[in-house]
């Protein structure tokens, strides 16, 4: 009799376990359905964001053109902005700085369908360094998840190419800073998986320098960092003073 009760108890436990497992599976399935629904909403939101980006890219274009015309009247504007940028300044050799004095304008332009890519174009005045007056690097994104990177093959004047050449060996996808001429960047072309896409120079120019180069021309970025350091020092000083007061109160 006792043995039968033991068997029934084990059977009941197994049934309870199966019931719990079944509820768990059902809950996970319902959760997946909700998650799929969220993914659809996120995809729709991304499409709407792209539509807005494309609309405002068309609105920004004439403003960028107007800005470039004004920049042309400011001597060494882009050279100063690049050299004032904490990440981009390390890319320039002394010779690069001489070449950049001939830079007439810079342009960053998304494709009409922004999710398909963008280009970065440097337009130079006639100069003694290379035959080209227009140097472009283009990033094209494909549906299968790859990125095609193309750049202008610079036709250097005899004896005027960068000392380190444009085929300098680099480690992985990252460009070694300060080890070669900035113009080597145009020769770094390849096709890579979108998950592996990494062109730090392009991303910094497009996302940071291009939106507001005046900030770097005026060295406002350094001033912001300096103000932040001063605020931190003042805050630390106040804390130390407060600690001293607490100590004195305890002593008394």
C-alpha atoms as a PDB file:
ATOM      1  CA  UNK A   1       0.000   0.000   0.000  1.00  0.00           C
ATOM      2  CA  UNK A   2       2.778   2.369   0.918  1.00  0.00           C
ATOM      3  CA  UNK A   3       4.596   1.374  -2.237  1.00  0.00           C
ATOM      4  CA  UNK A   4       1.534   2.293  -4.363  1.00  0.00           C
ATOM      5  CA  UNK A   5       1.370   5.750  -2.749  1.00  0.00           C
ATOM      6  CA  UNK A   6       5.056   6.261  -3.570  1.00  0.00           C
ATOM      7  CA  UNK A   7       4.476   5.322  -7.190  1.00  0.00           C
ATOM      8  CA  UNK A   8       1.492   7.697  -7.414  1.00  0.00           C
ATOM      9  CA  UNK A   9       3.571  10.516  -5.901  1.00  0.00           C
ATOM     10  CA  UNK A  10       6.289  10.059  -8.519  1.00  0.00           C
ATOM     11  CA  UNK A  11       3.699   9.974 -11.292  1.00  0.00           C
ATOM     12  CA  UNK A  12       2.094  13.159  -9.941  1.00  0.00           C
ATOM     13  CA  UNK A  13       5.488  14.874  -9.810  1.00  0.00           C
ATOM     14  CA  UNK A  14       6.182  13.867 -13.400  1.00  0.00           C
ATOM     15  CA  UNK A  15       2.784  15.199 -14.483  1.00  0.00           C
ATOM     16  CA  UNK A  16       3.398  18.481 -12.622  1.00  0.00           C
ATOM     17  CA  UNK A  17       6.817  18.763 -14.236  1.00  0.00           C
ATOM     18  CA  UNK A  18       5.342  18.159 -17.692  1.00  0.00           C
ATOM     19  CA  UNK A  19       2.676  20.772 -16.952  1.00  0.00           C
ATOM     20  CA  UNK A  20       5.291  23.360 -15.894  1.00  0.00           C
ATOM     21  CA  UNK A  21       7.462  22.578 -18.923  1.00  0.00           C
ATOM     22  CA  UNK A  22       4.431  22.963 -21.178  1.00  0.00           C
ATOM     23  CA  UNK A  23       3.559  26.337 -19.663  1.00  0.00           C
ATOM     24  CA  UNK A  24       7.161  27.470 -20.022  1.00  0.00           C
ATOM     25  CA  UNK A  25       7.265  26.492 -23.699  1.00  0.00           C
ATOM     26  CA  UNK A  26       3.954  28.268 -24.288  1.00  0.00           C
ATOM     27  CA  UNK A  27       5.185  31.420 -22.546  1.00  0.00           C
ATOM     28  CA  UNK A  28       8.399  31.451 -24.589  1.00  0.00           C
ATOM     29  CA  UNK A  29       6.412  31.017 -27.796  1.00  0.00           C
ATOM     30  CA  UNK A  30       4.130  33.924 -26.862  1.00  0.00           C
ATOM     31  CA  UNK A  31       7.184  36.009 -25.962  1.00  0.00           C
ATOM     32  CA  UNK A  32       8.716  35.258 -29.366  1.00  0.00           C
ATOM     33  CA  UNK A  33       5.495  36.379 -31.076  1.00  0.00           C
ATOM     34  CA  UNK A  34       5.609  39.699 -29.210  1.00  0.00           C
ATOM     35  CA  UNK A  35       9.305  40.081 -29.990  1.00  0.00           C
ATOM     36  CA  UNK A  36       8.608  39.478 -33.697  1.00  0.00           C
ATOM     37  CA  UNK A  37       5.913  42.141 -33.537  1.00  0.00           C
ATOM     38  CA  UNK A  38       8.429  44.574 -31.999  1.00  0.00           C
ATOM     39  CA  UNK A  39      10.924  43.790 -34.747  1.00  0.00           C
ATOM     40  CA  UNK A  40       8.327  44.694 -37.378  1.00  0.00           C
ATOM     41  CA  UNK A  41       7.651  47.994 -35.596  1.00  0.00           C
ATOM     42  CA  UNK A  42      11.411  48.696 -35.372  1.00  0.00           C
ATOM     43  CA  UNK A  43      11.868  47.961 -39.074  1.00  0.00           C
ATOM     44  CA  UNK A  44       9.003  50.299 -39.904  1.00  0.00           C
ATOM     45  CA  UNK A  45      10.526  52.982 -37.659  1.00  0.00           C
ATOM     46  CA  UNK A  46      13.919  52.566 -39.364  1.00  0.00           C
ATOM     47  CA  UNK A  47      12.292  52.982 -42.774  1.00  0.00           C
ATOM     48  CA  UNK A  48      10.546  56.156 -41.576  1.00  0.00           C
ATOM     49  CA  UNK A  49      13.822  57.525 -40.194  1.00  0.00           C
ATOM     50  CA  UNK A  50      15.495  56.874 -43.555  1.00  0.00           C
ATOM     51  CA  UNK A  51      12.658  58.682 -45.325  1.00  0.00           C
ATOM     52  CA  UNK A  52      13.126  61.687 -43.046  1.00  0.00           C
ATOM     53  CA  UNK A  53      16.915  61.590 -43.567  1.00  0.00           C
ATOM     54  CA  UNK A  54      16.474  61.543 -47.332  1.00  0.00           C
ATOM     55  CA  UNK A  55      14.018  64.437 -47.189  1.00  0.00           C
ATOM     56  CA  UNK A  56      16.307  66.598 -45.079  1.00  0.00           C
ATOM     57  CA  UNK A  57      19.397  65.646 -47.082  1.00  0.00           C
ATOM     58  CA  UNK A  58      17.750  67.396 -50.017  1.00  0.00           C
ATOM     59  CA  UNK A  59      17.047  70.415 -47.805  1.00  0.00           C
ATOM     60  CA  UNK A  60      20.609  70.461 -46.408  1.00  0.00           C
ATOM     61  CA  UNK A  61      22.306  70.229 -49.813  1.00  0.00           C
ATOM     62  CA  UNK A  62      21.960  73.899 -50.868  1.00  0.00           C
ATOM     63  CA  UNK A  63      22.955  74.959 -47.348  1.00  0.00           C
ATOM     64  CA  UNK A  64      26.132  72.871 -47.573  1.00  0.00           C
ATOM     65  CA  UNK A  65      26.874  74.427 -50.972  1.00  0.00           C
ATOM     66  CA  UNK A  66      26.424  77.898 -49.479  1.00  0.00           C
ATOM     67  CA  UNK A  67      28.683  76.953 -46.557  1.00  0.00           C
ATOM     68  CA  UNK A  68      31.412  75.683 -48.884  1.00  0.00           C
ATOM     69  CA  UNK A  69      31.387  78.943 -50.833  1.00  0.00           C
ATOM     70  CA  UNK A  70      31.992  80.897 -47.623  1.00  0.00           C
ATOM     71  CA  UNK A  71      34.691  78.466 -46.466  1.00  0.00           C
ATOM     72  CA  UNK A  72      36.620  79.079 -49.708  1.00  0.00           C
ATOM     73  CA  UNK A  73      37.172  82.674 -48.597  1.00  0.00           C
ATOM     74  CA  UNK A  74      38.832  81.574 -45.326  1.00  0.00           C
ATOM     75  CA  UNK A  75      42.538  80.691 -45.759  1.00  0.00           C
ATOM     76  CA  UNK A  76      43.503  77.175 -44.662  1.00  0.00           C
ATOM     77  CA  UNK A  77      40.052  76.533 -43.181  1.00  0.00           C
ATOM     78  CA  UNK A  78      39.983  72.761 -43.739  1.00  0.00           C
ATOM     79  CA  UNK A  79      43.655  72.317 -42.863  1.00  0.00           C
ATOM     80  CA  UNK A  80      43.074  74.112 -39.560  1.00  0.00           C
ATOM     81  CA  UNK A  81      39.910  72.100 -38.852  1.00  0.00           C
ATOM     82  CA  UNK A  82      41.645  68.771 -39.563  1.00  0.00           C
ATOM     83  CA  UNK A  83      44.699  69.670 -37.489  1.00  0.00           C
ATOM     84  CA  UNK A  84      42.470  70.785 -34.605  1.00  0.00           C
ATOM     85  CA  UNK A  85      40.579  67.492 -34.568  1.00  0.00           C
ATOM     86  CA  UNK A  86      42.007  65.212 -31.838  1.00  0.00           C
ATOM     87  CA  UNK A  87      41.749  62.070 -33.996  1.00  0.00           C
ATOM     88  CA  UNK A  88      42.378  63.390 -37.512  1.00  0.00           C
ATOM     89  CA  UNK A  89      45.378  65.578 -36.696  1.00  0.00           C
ATOM     90  CA  UNK A  90      47.569  62.519 -36.119  1.00  0.00           C
ATOM     91  CA  UNK A  91      47.087  61.462 -39.742  1.00  0.00           C
ATOM     92  CA  UNK A  92      48.971  64.401 -41.228  1.00  0.00           C
ATOM     93  CA  UNK A  93      52.643  64.464 -42.075  1.00  0.00           C
ATOM     94  CA  UNK A  94      54.402  67.798 -42.606  1.00  0.00           C
ATOM     95  CA  UNK A  95      54.182  67.214 -46.346  1.00  0.00           C
ATOM     96  CA  UNK A  96      50.448  66.517 -46.108  1.00  0.00           C
ATOM     97  CA  UNK A  97      49.952  69.901 -44.476  1.00  0.00           C
ATOM     98  CA  UNK A  98      51.683  71.584 -47.405  1.00  0.00           C
ATOM     99  CA  UNK A  99      49.415  69.719 -49.841  1.00  0.00           C
ATOM    100  CA  UNK A 100      46.273  70.619 -47.894  1.00  0.00           C
ATOM    101  CA  UNK A 101      47.006  74.303 -48.431  1.00  0.00           C
ATOM    102  CA  UNK A 102      45.775  73.674 -51.986  1.00  0.00           C
ATOM    103  CA  UNK A 103      42.462  72.167 -50.799  1.00  0.00           C
ATOM    104  CA  UNK A 104      39.582  74.169 -52.240  1.00  0.00           C
ATOM    105  CA  UNK A 105      36.599  72.331 -50.753  1.00  0.00           C
ATOM    106  CA  UNK A 106      35.388  69.184 -49.025  1.00  0.00           C
ATOM    107  CA  UNK A 107      32.059  67.490 -49.620  1.00  0.00           C
ATOM    108  CA  UNK A 108      30.306  64.572 -47.926  1.00  0.00           C
ATOM    109  CA  UNK A 109      27.238  63.331 -49.774  1.00  0.00           C
ATOM    110  CA  UNK A 110      24.861  60.461 -49.076  1.00  0.00           C
ATOM    111  CA  UNK A 111      23.454  58.494 -51.983  1.00  0.00           C
ATOM    112  CA  UNK A 112      19.922  59.436 -52.976  1.00  0.00           C
ATOM    113  CA  UNK A 113      18.879  56.281 -51.131  1.00  0.00           C
ATOM    114  CA  UNK A 114      20.848  56.916 -47.932  1.00  0.00           C
ATOM    115  CA  UNK A 115      21.021  53.268 -46.918  1.00  0.00           C
ATOM    116  CA  UNK A 116      23.017  52.456 -50.060  1.00  0.00           C
ATOM    117  CA  UNK A 117      26.103  54.475 -49.169  1.00  0.00           C
ATOM    118  CA  UNK A 118      27.915  57.802 -49.342  1.00  0.00           C
ATOM    119  CA  UNK A 119      30.982  59.526 -50.769  1.00  0.00           C
ATOM    120  CA  UNK A 120      33.641  61.885 -49.422  1.00  0.00           C
ATOM    121  CA  UNK A 121      35.216  64.231 -51.969  1.00  0.00           C
ATOM    122  CA  UNK A 122      38.243  66.533 -51.658  1.00  0.00           C
ATOM    123  CA  UNK A 123      38.566  69.151 -54.414  1.00  0.00           C
ATOM    124  CA  UNK A 124      42.007  70.740 -54.807  1.00  0.00           C
ATOM    125  CA  UNK A 125      43.250  73.671 -56.796  1.00  0.00           C
ATOM    126  CA  UNK A 126      45.971  72.930 -59.332  1.00  0.00           C
ATOM    127  CA  UNK A 127      49.072  72.010 -57.395  1.00  0.00           C
ATOM    128  CA  UNK A 128      52.620  70.689 -57.880  1.00  0.00           C
ATOM    129  CA  UNK A 129      51.850  67.398 -56.075  1.00  0.00           C
ATOM    130  CA  UNK A 130      49.346  65.460 -58.202  1.00  0.00           C
ATOM    131  CA  UNK A 131      47.472  65.741 -61.473  1.00  0.00           C
ATOM    132  CA  UNK A 132      44.052  65.144 -59.942  1.00  0.00           C
ATOM    133  CA  UNK A 133      42.006  68.037 -58.637  1.00  0.00           C
ATOM    134  CA  UNK A 134      39.220  65.786 -57.325  1.00  0.00           C
ATOM    135  CA  UNK A 135      39.897  62.912 -54.913  1.00  0.00           C
ATOM    136  CA  UNK A 136      36.920  60.785 -53.892  1.00  0.00           C
ATOM    137  CA  UNK A 137      36.357  57.820 -51.638  1.00  0.00           C
ATOM    138  CA  UNK A 138      33.030  56.007 -51.969  1.00  0.00           C
ATOM    139  CA  UNK A 139      31.306  53.481 -49.692  1.00  0.00           C
ATOM    140  CA  UNK A 140      28.583  51.373 -51.295  1.00  0.00           C
ATOM    141  CA  UNK A 141      26.400  49.107 -49.126  1.00  0.00           C
ATOM    142  CA  UNK A 142      24.793  46.010 -50.667  1.00  0.00           C
ATOM    143  CA  UNK A 143      21.717  44.073 -49.529  1.00  0.00           C
ATOM    144  CA  UNK A 144      23.735  40.905 -48.938  1.00  0.00           C
ATOM    145  CA  UNK A 145      25.638  42.710 -46.176  1.00  0.00           C
ATOM    146  CA  UNK A 146      28.878  43.697 -47.893  1.00  0.00           C
ATOM    147  CA  UNK A 147      30.483  47.092 -48.375  1.00  0.00           C
ATOM    148  CA  UNK A 148      32.420  48.069 -51.483  1.00  0.00           C
ATOM    149  CA  UNK A 149      35.059  50.732 -50.876  1.00  0.00           C
ATOM    150  CA  UNK A 150      36.553  52.584 -53.839  1.00  0.00           C
ATOM    151  CA  UNK A 151      38.989  55.486 -53.933  1.00  0.00           C
ATOM    152  CA  UNK A 152      40.709  57.719 -56.448  1.00  0.00           C
ATOM    153  CA  UNK A 153      44.043  56.359 -57.651  1.00  0.00           C
ATOM    154  CA  UNK A 154      46.166  59.459 -57.173  1.00  0.00           C
ATOM    155  CA  UNK A 155      48.436  60.358 -60.092  1.00  0.00           C
ATOM    156  CA  UNK A 156      51.393  61.879 -58.312  1.00  0.00           C
ATOM    157  CA  UNK A 157      53.779  64.230 -60.055  1.00  0.00           C
ATOM    158  CA  UNK A 158      57.217  62.729 -60.507  1.00  0.00           C
ATOM    159  CA  UNK A 159      59.033  62.584 -57.179  1.00  0.00           C
ATOM    160  CA  UNK A 160      56.094  64.110 -55.270  1.00  0.00           C
ATOM    161  CA  UNK A 161      54.367  61.007 -53.811  1.00  0.00           C
ATOM    162  CA  UNK A 162      54.158  60.450 -50.043  1.00  0.00           C
ATOM    163  CA  UNK A 163      57.432  59.264 -48.538  1.00  0.00           C
ATOM    164  CA  UNK A 164      55.744  56.150 -47.132  1.00  0.00           C
ATOM    165  CA  UNK A 165      53.802  55.298 -50.286  1.00  0.00           C
ATOM    166  CA  UNK A 166      50.108  54.469 -50.577  1.00  0.00           C
ATOM    167  CA  UNK A 167      50.447  50.705 -50.225  1.00  0.00           C
ATOM    168  CA  UNK A 168      51.708  50.821 -46.669  1.00  0.00           C
ATOM    169  CA  UNK A 169      50.884  47.616 -44.792  1.00  0.00           C
ATOM    170  CA  UNK A 170      48.142  48.023 -42.195  1.00  0.00           C
ATOM    171  CA  UNK A 171      46.921  45.774 -39.414  1.00  0.00           C
ATOM    172  CA  UNK A 172      43.401  44.398 -39.827  1.00  0.00           C
ATOM    173  CA  UNK A 173      40.754  46.927 -40.823  1.00  0.00           C
ATOM    174  CA  UNK A 174      42.217  49.753 -38.775  1.00  0.00           C
ATOM    175  CA  UNK A 175      44.527  52.301 -40.291  1.00  0.00           C
ATOM    176  CA  UNK A 176      47.690  52.915 -38.243  1.00  0.00           C
ATOM    177  CA  UNK A 177      47.690  56.551 -37.172  1.00  0.00           C
ATOM    178  CA  UNK A 178      50.707  58.794 -37.814  1.00  0.00           C
ATOM    179  CA  UNK A 179      52.579  55.986 -39.608  1.00  0.00           C
ATOM    180  CA  UNK A 180      51.812  57.164 -43.152  1.00  0.00           C
ATOM    181  CA  UNK A 181      50.519  60.013 -45.269  1.00  0.00           C
ATOM    182  CA  UNK A 182      46.854  60.965 -45.016  1.00  0.00           C
ATOM    183  CA  UNK A 183      46.642  60.404 -48.777  1.00  0.00           C
ATOM    184  CA  UNK A 184      47.333  56.701 -48.258  1.00  0.00           C
ATOM    185  CA  UNK A 185      43.708  56.538 -47.123  1.00  0.00           C
ATOM    186  CA  UNK A 186      42.485  56.889 -50.714  1.00  0.00           C
ATOM    187  CA  UNK A 187      44.396  53.734 -51.636  1.00  0.00           C
ATOM    188  CA  UNK A 188      42.795  51.646 -48.899  1.00  0.00           C
ATOM    189  CA  UNK A 189      40.019  50.055 -50.961  1.00  0.00           C
ATOM    190  CA  UNK A 190      38.447  46.665 -50.458  1.00  0.00           C
ATOM    191  CA  UNK A 191      35.192  44.809 -50.103  1.00  0.00           C
ATOM    192  CA  UNK A 192      34.215  43.617 -46.654  1.00  0.00           C
ATOM    193  CA  UNK A 193      31.273  42.275 -44.680  1.00  0.00           C
ATOM    194  CA  UNK A 194      29.053  44.975 -43.247  1.00  0.00           C
ATOM    195  CA  UNK A 195      29.601  43.594 -39.753  1.00  0.00           C
ATOM    196  CA  UNK A 196      33.336  44.033 -40.266  1.00  0.00           C
ATOM    197  CA  UNK A 197      33.061  47.471 -41.891  1.00  0.00           C
ATOM    198  CA  UNK A 198      35.507  49.803 -40.232  1.00  0.00           C
ATOM    199  CA  UNK A 199      36.906  52.953 -41.790  1.00  0.00           C
ATOM    200  CA  UNK A 200      37.575  55.198 -38.834  1.00  0.00           C
ATOM    201  CA  UNK A 201      38.746  58.112 -40.961  1.00  0.00           C
ATOM    202  CA  UNK A 202      35.575  58.095 -43.076  1.00  0.00           C
ATOM    203  CA  UNK A 203      33.296  57.769 -40.069  1.00  0.00           C
ATOM    204  CA  UNK A 204      34.989  60.640 -38.211  1.00  0.00           C
ATOM    205  CA  UNK A 205      34.856  62.934 -41.236  1.00  0.00           C
ATOM    206  CA  UNK A 206      31.231  62.093 -42.018  1.00  0.00           C
ATOM    207  CA  UNK A 207      29.757  61.974 -38.531  1.00  0.00           C
ATOM    208  CA  UNK A 208      31.874  64.508 -36.645  1.00  0.00           C
ATOM    209  CA  UNK A 209      33.924  66.932 -38.746  1.00  0.00           C
ATOM    210  CA  UNK A 210      31.524  67.493 -41.645  1.00  0.00           C
ATOM    211  CA  UNK A 211      28.395  68.427 -39.622  1.00  0.00           C
ATOM    212  CA  UNK A 212      30.186  71.311 -37.877  1.00  0.00           C
ATOM    213  CA  UNK A 213      33.787  71.963 -38.995  1.00  0.00           C
ATOM    214  CA  UNK A 214      33.630  75.477 -37.536  1.00  0.00           C
ATOM    215  CA  UNK A 215      33.764  73.927 -34.066  1.00  0.00           C
ATOM    216  CA  UNK A 216      37.219  72.540 -34.824  1.00  0.00           C
ATOM    217  CA  UNK A 217      38.385  75.571 -36.811  1.00  0.00           C
ATOM    218  CA  UNK A 218      37.669  77.673 -33.715  1.00  0.00           C
ATOM    219  CA  UNK A 219      39.167  75.037 -31.399  1.00  0.00           C
ATOM    220  CA  UNK A 220      35.893  74.949 -29.498  1.00  0.00           C
ATOM    221  CA  UNK A 221      36.296  71.204 -28.893  1.00  0.00           C
ATOM    222  CA  UNK A 222      39.493  71.848 -26.911  1.00  0.00           C
ATOM    223  CA  UNK A 223      37.769  74.630 -24.988  1.00  0.00           C
ATOM    224  CA  UNK A 224      34.890  72.304 -24.080  1.00  0.00           C
ATOM    225  CA  UNK A 225      37.355  69.691 -22.824  1.00  0.00           C
ATOM    226  CA  UNK A 226      39.226  72.371 -20.893  1.00  0.00           C
ATOM    227  CA  UNK A 227      36.016  73.653 -19.314  1.00  0.00           C
ATOM    228  CA  UNK A 228      35.110  70.095 -18.376  1.00  0.00           C
ATOM    229  CA  UNK A 229      38.502  69.569 -16.721  1.00  0.00           C
ATOM    230  CA  UNK A 230      38.185  72.847 -14.804  1.00  0.00           C
ATOM    231  CA  UNK A 231      34.710  71.939 -13.584  1.00  0.00           C
ATOM    232  CA  UNK A 232      35.993  68.544 -12.468  1.00  0.00           C
ATOM    233  CA  UNK A 233      38.928  70.152 -10.630  1.00  0.00           C
ATOM    234  CA  UNK A 234      36.590  72.627  -8.907  1.00  0.00           C
ATOM    235  CA  UNK A 235      34.250  69.802  -7.932  1.00  0.00           C
ATOM    236  CA  UNK A 236      37.147  67.758  -6.538  1.00  0.00           C
ATOM    237  CA  UNK A 237      38.382  70.830  -4.656  1.00  0.00           C
ATOM    238  CA  UNK A 238      34.957  71.372  -3.110  1.00  0.00           C
ATOM    239  CA  UNK A 239      34.842  67.733  -2.043  1.00  0.00           C
ATOM    240  CA  UNK A 240      38.281  67.943  -0.437  1.00  0.00           C
ATOM    241  CA  UNK A 241      37.293  71.165   1.378  1.00  0.00           C
ATOM    242  CA  UNK A 242      34.112  69.509   2.591  1.00  0.00           C
ATOM    243  CA  UNK A 243      36.098  66.497   3.848  1.00  0.00           C
ATOM    244  CA  UNK A 244      38.481  68.807   5.751  1.00  0.00           C
ATOM    245  CA  UNK A 245      35.530  70.512   7.427  1.00  0.00           C
ATOM    246  CA  UNK A 246      34.138  67.145   8.517  1.00  0.00           C
ATOM    247  CA  UNK A 247      37.499  66.166  10.003  1.00  0.00           C
ATOM    248  CA  UNK A 248      37.782  69.438  11.916  1.00  0.00           C
ATOM    249  CA  UNK A 249      34.273  69.001  13.324  1.00  0.00           C
ATOM    250  CA  UNK A 250      35.128  65.507  14.536  1.00  0.00           C
ATOM    251  CA  UNK A 251      38.340  66.751  16.194  1.00  0.00           C
ATOM    252  CA  UNK A 252      36.511  69.474  18.055  1.00  0.00           C
END
